[in-house]
């Protein structure tokens, strides 16, 4: 994760949130699909609910 996302504490928070969101969304992804999630600087200011909605929306469009 890029240092543009924020300090080490912020990057780790975003990383933990993304791991939790991905664990929830994994059943939606078709088997064998490769998914890359990139945390942009704006992801540091987004709450968990918004992050989950955005990841789910993107996965539904691309990997389902």
PDB file of N, CA and C in Angstrom:
ATOM      1  N   UNK A   1       0.853  -1.164   0.000  1.00  0.00           N
ATOM      2  CA  UNK A   1       0.000   0.000   0.000  1.00  0.00           C
ATOM      3  C   UNK A   1       0.901   1.230   0.000  1.00  0.00           C
ATOM      4  N   UNK A   2       0.526   2.213  -0.770  1.00  0.00           N
ATOM      5  CA  UNK A   2       1.313   3.411  -0.952  1.00  0.00           C
ATOM      6  C   UNK A   2       1.291   4.309   0.286  1.00  0.00           C
ATOM      7  N   UNK A   3       2.391   5.020   0.483  1.00  0.00           N
ATOM      8  CA  UNK A   3       2.447   5.973   1.595  1.00  0.00           C
ATOM      9  C   UNK A   3       1.541   7.172   1.354  1.00  0.00           C
ATOM     10  N   UNK A   4       0.995   7.297   0.140  1.00  0.00           N
ATOM     11  CA  UNK A   4       0.058   8.374  -0.146  1.00  0.00           C
ATOM     12  C   UNK A   4      -1.255   8.187   0.601  1.00  0.00           C
ATOM     13  N   UNK A   5      -1.536   6.968   1.035  1.00  0.00           N
ATOM     14  CA  UNK A   5      -2.778   6.697   1.758  1.00  0.00           C
ATOM     15  C   UNK A   5      -2.743   7.360   3.126  1.00  0.00           C
ATOM     16  N   UNK A   6      -1.567   7.496   3.721  1.00  0.00           N
ATOM     17  CA  UNK A   6      -1.451   8.142   5.016  1.00  0.00           C
ATOM     18  C   UNK A   6      -0.316   7.562   5.827  1.00  0.00           C
ATOM     19  N   UNK A   7      -0.346   7.826   7.118  1.00  0.00           N
ATOM     20  CA  UNK A   7       0.683   7.315   8.013  1.00  0.00           C
ATOM     21  C   UNK A   7       0.554   5.798   8.139  1.00  0.00           C
ATOM     22  N   UNK A   8       1.517   5.185   8.802  1.00  0.00           N
ATOM     23  CA  UNK A   8       1.502   3.729   8.972  1.00  0.00           C
ATOM     24  C   UNK A   8       0.236   3.275   9.695  1.00  0.00           C
ATOM     25  N   UNK A   9      -0.203   4.026  10.667  1.00  0.00           N
ATOM     26  CA  UNK A   9      -1.416   3.667  11.409  1.00  0.00           C
ATOM     27  C   UNK A   9      -2.622   3.703  10.473  1.00  0.00           C
ATOM     28  N   UNK A  10      -2.708   4.730   9.646  1.00  0.00           N
ATOM     29  CA  UNK A  10      -3.822   4.863   8.709  1.00  0.00           C
ATOM     30  C   UNK A  10      -3.778   3.759   7.658  1.00  0.00           C
ATOM     31  N   UNK A  11      -2.599   3.481   7.119  1.00  0.00           N
ATOM     32  CA  UNK A  11      -2.475   2.411   6.115  1.00  0.00           C
ATOM     33  C   UNK A  11      -2.890   1.071   6.698  1.00  0.00           C
ATOM     34  N   UNK A  12      -2.486   0.788   7.930  1.00  0.00           N
ATOM     35  CA  UNK A  12      -2.860  -0.477   8.560  1.00  0.00           C
ATOM     36  C   UNK A  12      -4.361  -0.554   8.816  1.00  0.00           C
ATOM     37  N   UNK A  13      -4.970   0.557   9.175  1.00  0.00           N
ATOM     38  CA  UNK A  13      -6.415   0.584   9.373  1.00  0.00           C
ATOM     39  C   UNK A  13      -7.134   0.289   8.063  1.00  0.00           C
ATOM     40  N   UNK A  14      -6.699   0.935   6.988  1.00  0.00           N
ATOM     41  CA  UNK A  14      -7.303   0.700   5.675  1.00  0.00           C
ATOM     42  C   UNK A  14      -7.078  -0.753   5.262  1.00  0.00           C
ATOM     43  N   UNK A  15      -5.880  -1.279   5.491  1.00  0.00           N
ATOM     44  CA  UNK A  15      -5.575  -2.663   5.131  1.00  0.00           C
ATOM     45  C   UNK A  15      -6.486  -3.630   5.874  1.00  0.00           C
ATOM     46  N   UNK A  16      -6.672  -3.425   7.176  1.00  0.00           N
ATOM     47  CA  UNK A  16      -7.546  -4.305   7.962  1.00  0.00           C
ATOM     48  C   UNK A  16      -8.994  -4.220   7.486  1.00  0.00           C
ATOM     49  N   UNK A  17      -9.448  -3.022   7.184  1.00  0.00           N
ATOM     50  CA  UNK A  17     -10.812  -2.857   6.680  1.00  0.00           C
ATOM     51  C   UNK A  17     -10.987  -3.562   5.341  1.00  0.00           C
ATOM     52  N   UNK A  18     -10.011  -3.415   4.444  1.00  0.00           N
ATOM     53  CA  UNK A  18     -10.108  -4.069   3.139  1.00  0.00           C
ATOM     54  C   UNK A  18     -10.073  -5.584   3.276  1.00  0.00           C
ATOM     55  N   UNK A  19      -9.274  -6.098   4.194  1.00  0.00           N
ATOM     56  CA  UNK A  19      -9.236  -7.550   4.411  1.00  0.00           C
ATOM     57  C   UNK A  19     -10.596  -8.049   4.886  1.00  0.00           C
ATOM     58  N   UNK A  20     -11.234  -7.315   5.796  1.00  0.00           N
ATOM     59  CA  UNK A  20     -12.544  -7.713   6.308  1.00  0.00           C
ATOM     60  C   UNK A  20     -13.598  -7.640   5.204  1.00  0.00           C
ATOM     61  N   UNK A  21     -13.559  -6.593   4.411  1.00  0.00           N
ATOM     62  CA  UNK A  21     -14.516  -6.439   3.312  1.00  0.00           C
ATOM     63  C   UNK A  21     -14.331  -7.560   2.299  1.00  0.00           C
ATOM     64  N   UNK A  22     -13.099  -7.877   1.975  1.00  0.00           N
ATOM     65  CA  UNK A  22     -12.828  -8.932   0.992  1.00  0.00           C
ATOM     66  C   UNK A  22     -13.247 -10.298   1.522  1.00  0.00           C
ATOM     67  N   UNK A  23     -13.071 -10.537   2.800  1.00  0.00           N
ATOM     68  CA  UNK A  23     -13.504 -11.813   3.376  1.00  0.00           C
ATOM     69  C   UNK A  23     -15.024 -11.966   3.258  1.00  0.00           C
ATOM     70  N   UNK A  24     -15.755 -10.875   3.448  1.00  0.00           N
ATOM     71  CA  UNK A  24     -17.213 -10.908   3.301  1.00  0.00           C
ATOM     72  C   UNK A  24     -17.625 -11.097   1.845  1.00  0.00           C
ATOM     73  N   UNK A  25     -16.883 -10.475   0.925  1.00  0.00           N
ATOM     74  CA  UNK A  25     -17.277 -10.458  -0.479  1.00  0.00           C
ATOM     75  C   UNK A  25     -16.764 -11.666  -1.259  1.00  0.00           C
ATOM     76  N   UNK A  26     -15.924 -12.475  -0.661  1.00  0.00           N
ATOM     77  CA  UNK A  26     -15.324 -13.598  -1.379  1.00  0.00           C
ATOM     78  C   UNK A  26     -16.341 -14.551  -2.002  1.00  0.00           C
ATOM     79  N   UNK A  27     -17.460 -14.867  -1.351  1.00  0.00           N
ATOM     80  CA  UNK A  27     -18.434 -15.755  -1.996  1.00  0.00           C
ATOM     81  C   UNK A  27     -19.039 -15.192  -3.282  1.00  0.00           C
ATOM     82  N   UNK A  28     -19.010 -13.880  -3.465  1.00  0.00           N
ATOM     83  CA  UNK A  28     -19.561 -13.253  -4.661  1.00  0.00           C
ATOM     84  C   UNK A  28     -18.655 -13.418  -5.876  1.00  0.00           C
ATOM     85  N   UNK A  29     -17.380 -13.707  -5.650  1.00  0.00           N
ATOM     86  CA  UNK A  29     -16.404 -13.782  -6.733  1.00  0.00           C
ATOM     87  C   UNK A  29     -16.420 -15.183  -7.321  1.00  0.00           C
ATOM     88  N   UNK A  30     -16.466 -15.250  -8.636  1.00  0.00           N
ATOM     89  CA  UNK A  30     -16.494 -16.553  -9.288  1.00  0.00           C
ATOM     90  C   UNK A  30     -15.157 -17.257  -9.086  1.00  0.00           C
ATOM     91  N   UNK A  31     -15.170 -18.566  -8.967  1.00  0.00           N
ATOM     92  CA  UNK A  31     -13.931 -19.320  -8.767  1.00  0.00           C
ATOM     93  C   UNK A  31     -12.953 -19.096  -9.917  1.00  0.00           C
ATOM     94  N   UNK A  32     -11.707 -18.927  -9.580  1.00  0.00           N
ATOM     95  CA  UNK A  32     -10.665 -18.728 -10.579  1.00  0.00           C
ATOM     96  C   UNK A  32     -10.448 -17.289 -10.994  1.00  0.00           C
ATOM     97  N   UNK A  33     -11.266 -16.379 -10.498  1.00  0.00           N
ATOM     98  CA  UNK A  33     -11.128 -14.973 -10.864  1.00  0.00           C
ATOM     99  C   UNK A  33      -9.972 -14.352 -10.088  1.00  0.00           C
ATOM    100  N   UNK A  34      -9.211 -13.499 -10.756  1.00  0.00           N
ATOM    101  CA  UNK A  34      -8.152 -12.731 -10.107  1.00  0.00           C
ATOM    102  C   UNK A  34      -8.681 -11.334  -9.825  1.00  0.00           C
ATOM    103  N   UNK A  35      -8.512 -10.882  -8.597  1.00  0.00           N
ATOM    104  CA  UNK A  35      -9.003  -9.569  -8.198  1.00  0.00           C
ATOM    105  C   UNK A  35      -7.855  -8.793  -7.571  1.00  0.00           C
ATOM    106  N   UNK A  36      -7.677  -7.562  -8.027  1.00  0.00           N
ATOM    107  CA  UNK A  36      -6.666  -6.672  -7.460  1.00  0.00           C
ATOM    108  C   UNK A  36      -7.392  -5.463  -6.907  1.00  0.00           C
ATOM    109  N   UNK A  37      -7.138  -5.158  -5.647  1.00  0.00           N
ATOM    110  CA  UNK A  37      -7.759  -3.992  -5.020  1.00  0.00           C
ATOM    111  C   UNK A  37      -6.646  -3.029  -4.643  1.00  0.00           C
ATOM    112  N   UNK A  38      -6.787  -1.817  -5.108  1.00  0.00           N
ATOM    113  CA  UNK A  38      -5.782  -0.791  -4.856  1.00  0.00           C
ATOM    114  C   UNK A  38      -6.387   0.280  -3.963  1.00  0.00           C
ATOM    115  N   UNK A  39      -5.732   0.554  -2.864  1.00  0.00           N
ATOM    116  CA  UNK A  39      -6.221   1.582  -1.944  1.00  0.00           C
ATOM    117  C   UNK A  39      -5.696   2.937  -2.395  1.00  0.00           C
ATOM    118  N   UNK A  40      -6.601   3.812  -2.759  1.00  0.00           N
ATOM    119  CA  UNK A  40      -6.236   5.164  -3.158  1.00  0.00           C
ATOM    120  C   UNK A  40      -6.193   6.067  -1.927  1.00  0.00           C
ATOM    121  N   UNK A  41      -5.555   7.226  -2.027  1.00  0.00           N
ATOM    122  CA  UNK A  41      -5.457   8.112  -0.863  1.00  0.00           C
ATOM    123  C   UNK A  41      -6.790   8.450  -0.211  1.00  0.00           C
ATOM    124  N   UNK A  42      -7.850   8.540  -0.977  1.00  0.00           N
ATOM    125  CA  UNK A  42      -9.164   8.860  -0.435  1.00  0.00           C
ATOM    126  C   UNK A  42      -9.748   7.768   0.443  1.00  0.00           C
ATOM    127  N   UNK A  43      -9.221   6.557   0.341  1.00  0.00           N
ATOM    128  CA  UNK A  43      -9.765   5.448   1.131  1.00  0.00           C
ATOM    129  C   UNK A  43      -9.515   5.620   2.628  1.00  0.00           C
ATOM    130  N   UNK A  44      -8.570   6.466   2.985  1.00  0.00           N
ATOM    131  CA  UNK A  44      -8.285   6.698   4.403  1.00  0.00           C
ATOM    132  C   UNK A  44      -9.423   7.441   5.092  1.00  0.00           C
ATOM    133  N   UNK A  45     -10.169   8.243   4.344  1.00  0.00           N
ATOM    134  CA  UNK A  45     -11.237   9.036   4.938  1.00  0.00           C
ATOM    135  C   UNK A  45     -12.620   8.433   4.808  1.00  0.00           C
ATOM    136  N   UNK A  46     -12.702   7.216   4.310  1.00  0.00           N
ATOM    137  CA  UNK A  46     -13.992   6.569   4.075  1.00  0.00           C
ATOM    138  C   UNK A  46     -14.297   5.617   5.222  1.00  0.00           C
ATOM    139  N   UNK A  47     -15.544   5.608   5.682  1.00  0.00           N
ATOM    140  CA  UNK A  47     -15.892   4.689   6.764  1.00  0.00           C
ATOM    141  C   UNK A  47     -16.101   3.277   6.216  1.00  0.00           C
ATOM    142  N   UNK A  48     -16.193   2.306   7.113  1.00  0.00           N
ATOM    143  CA  UNK A  48     -16.252   0.898   6.747  1.00  0.00           C
ATOM    144  C   UNK A  48     -17.447   0.584   5.854  1.00  0.00           C
ATOM    145  N   UNK A  49     -18.587   1.159   6.156  1.00  0.00           N
ATOM    146  CA  UNK A  49     -19.807   0.892   5.391  1.00  0.00           C
ATOM    147  C   UNK A  49     -19.656   1.335   3.935  1.00  0.00           C
ATOM    148  N   UNK A  50     -19.083   2.514   3.722  1.00  0.00           N
ATOM    149  CA  UNK A  50     -18.878   3.013   2.366  1.00  0.00           C
ATOM    150  C   UNK A  50     -17.840   2.168   1.623  1.00  0.00           C
ATOM    151  N   UNK A  51     -16.792   1.770   2.329  1.00  0.00           N
ATOM    152  CA  UNK A  51     -15.761   0.942   1.720  1.00  0.00           C
ATOM    153  C   UNK A  51     -16.349  -0.398   1.277  1.00  0.00           C
ATOM    154  N   UNK A  52     -17.164  -0.995   2.126  1.00  0.00           N
ATOM    155  CA  UNK A  52     -17.816  -2.266   1.786  1.00  0.00           C
ATOM    156  C   UNK A  52     -18.721  -2.101   0.574  1.00  0.00           C
ATOM    157  N   UNK A  53     -19.497  -1.046   0.529  1.00  0.00           N
ATOM    158  CA  UNK A  53     -20.402  -0.818  -0.589  1.00  0.00           C
ATOM    159  C   UNK A  53     -19.629  -0.637  -1.897  1.00  0.00           C
ATOM    160  N   UNK A  54     -18.535   0.089  -1.854  1.00  0.00           N
ATOM    161  CA  UNK A  54     -17.753   0.329  -3.059  1.00  0.00           C
ATOM    162  C   UNK A  54     -17.094  -0.947  -3.567  1.00  0.00           C
ATOM    163  N   UNK A  55     -16.518  -1.735  -2.673  1.00  0.00           N
ATOM    164  CA  UNK A  55     -15.883  -2.988  -3.084  1.00  0.00           C
ATOM    165  C   UNK A  55     -16.936  -3.945  -3.634  1.00  0.00           C
ATOM    166  N   UNK A  56     -18.073  -4.046  -2.982  1.00  0.00           N
ATOM    167  CA  UNK A  56     -19.143  -4.935  -3.459  1.00  0.00           C
ATOM    168  C   UNK A  56     -19.645  -4.503  -4.830  1.00  0.00           C
ATOM    169  N   UNK A  57     -19.781  -3.206  -5.031  1.00  0.00           N
ATOM    170  CA  UNK A  57     -20.245  -2.687  -6.324  1.00  0.00           C
ATOM    171  C   UNK A  57     -19.246  -3.034  -7.427  1.00  0.00           C
ATOM    172  N   UNK A  58     -17.973  -2.845  -7.157  1.00  0.00           N
ATOM    173  CA  UNK A  58     -16.949  -3.138  -8.164  1.00  0.00           C
ATOM    174  C   UNK A  58     -16.861  -4.637  -8.453  1.00  0.00           C
ATOM    175  N   UNK A  59     -16.950  -5.452  -7.418  1.00  0.00           N
ATOM    176  CA  UNK A  59     -16.903  -6.894  -7.634  1.00  0.00           C
ATOM    177  C   UNK A  59     -18.116  -7.386  -8.413  1.00  0.00           C
ATOM    178  N   UNK A  60     -19.261  -6.813  -8.154  1.00  0.00           N
ATOM    179  CA  UNK A  60     -20.469  -7.216  -8.874  1.00  0.00           C
ATOM    180  C   UNK A  60     -20.345  -6.887 -10.355  1.00  0.00           C
ATOM    181  N   UNK A  61     -19.680  -5.786 -10.657  1.00  0.00           N
ATOM    182  CA  UNK A  61     -19.519  -5.381 -12.056  1.00  0.00           C
ATOM    183  C   UNK A  61     -18.480  -6.205 -12.794  1.00  0.00           C
ATOM    184  N   UNK A  62     -17.401  -6.575 -12.125  1.00  0.00           N
ATOM    185  CA  UNK A  62     -16.261  -7.173 -12.815  1.00  0.00           C
ATOM    186  C   UNK A  62     -16.085  -8.670 -12.624  1.00  0.00           C
ATOM    187  N   UNK A  63     -16.201  -9.155 -11.411  1.00  0.00           N
ATOM    188  CA  UNK A  63     -15.774 -10.524 -11.134  1.00  0.00           C
ATOM    189  C   UNK A  63     -16.915 -11.502 -10.936  1.00  0.00           C
ATOM    190  N   UNK A  64     -18.132 -11.035 -10.906  1.00  0.00           N
ATOM    191  CA  UNK A  64     -19.245 -11.952 -10.637  1.00  0.00           C
ATOM    192  C   UNK A  64     -19.681 -12.700 -11.869  1.00  0.00           C
TER     193      UNK A  64
END
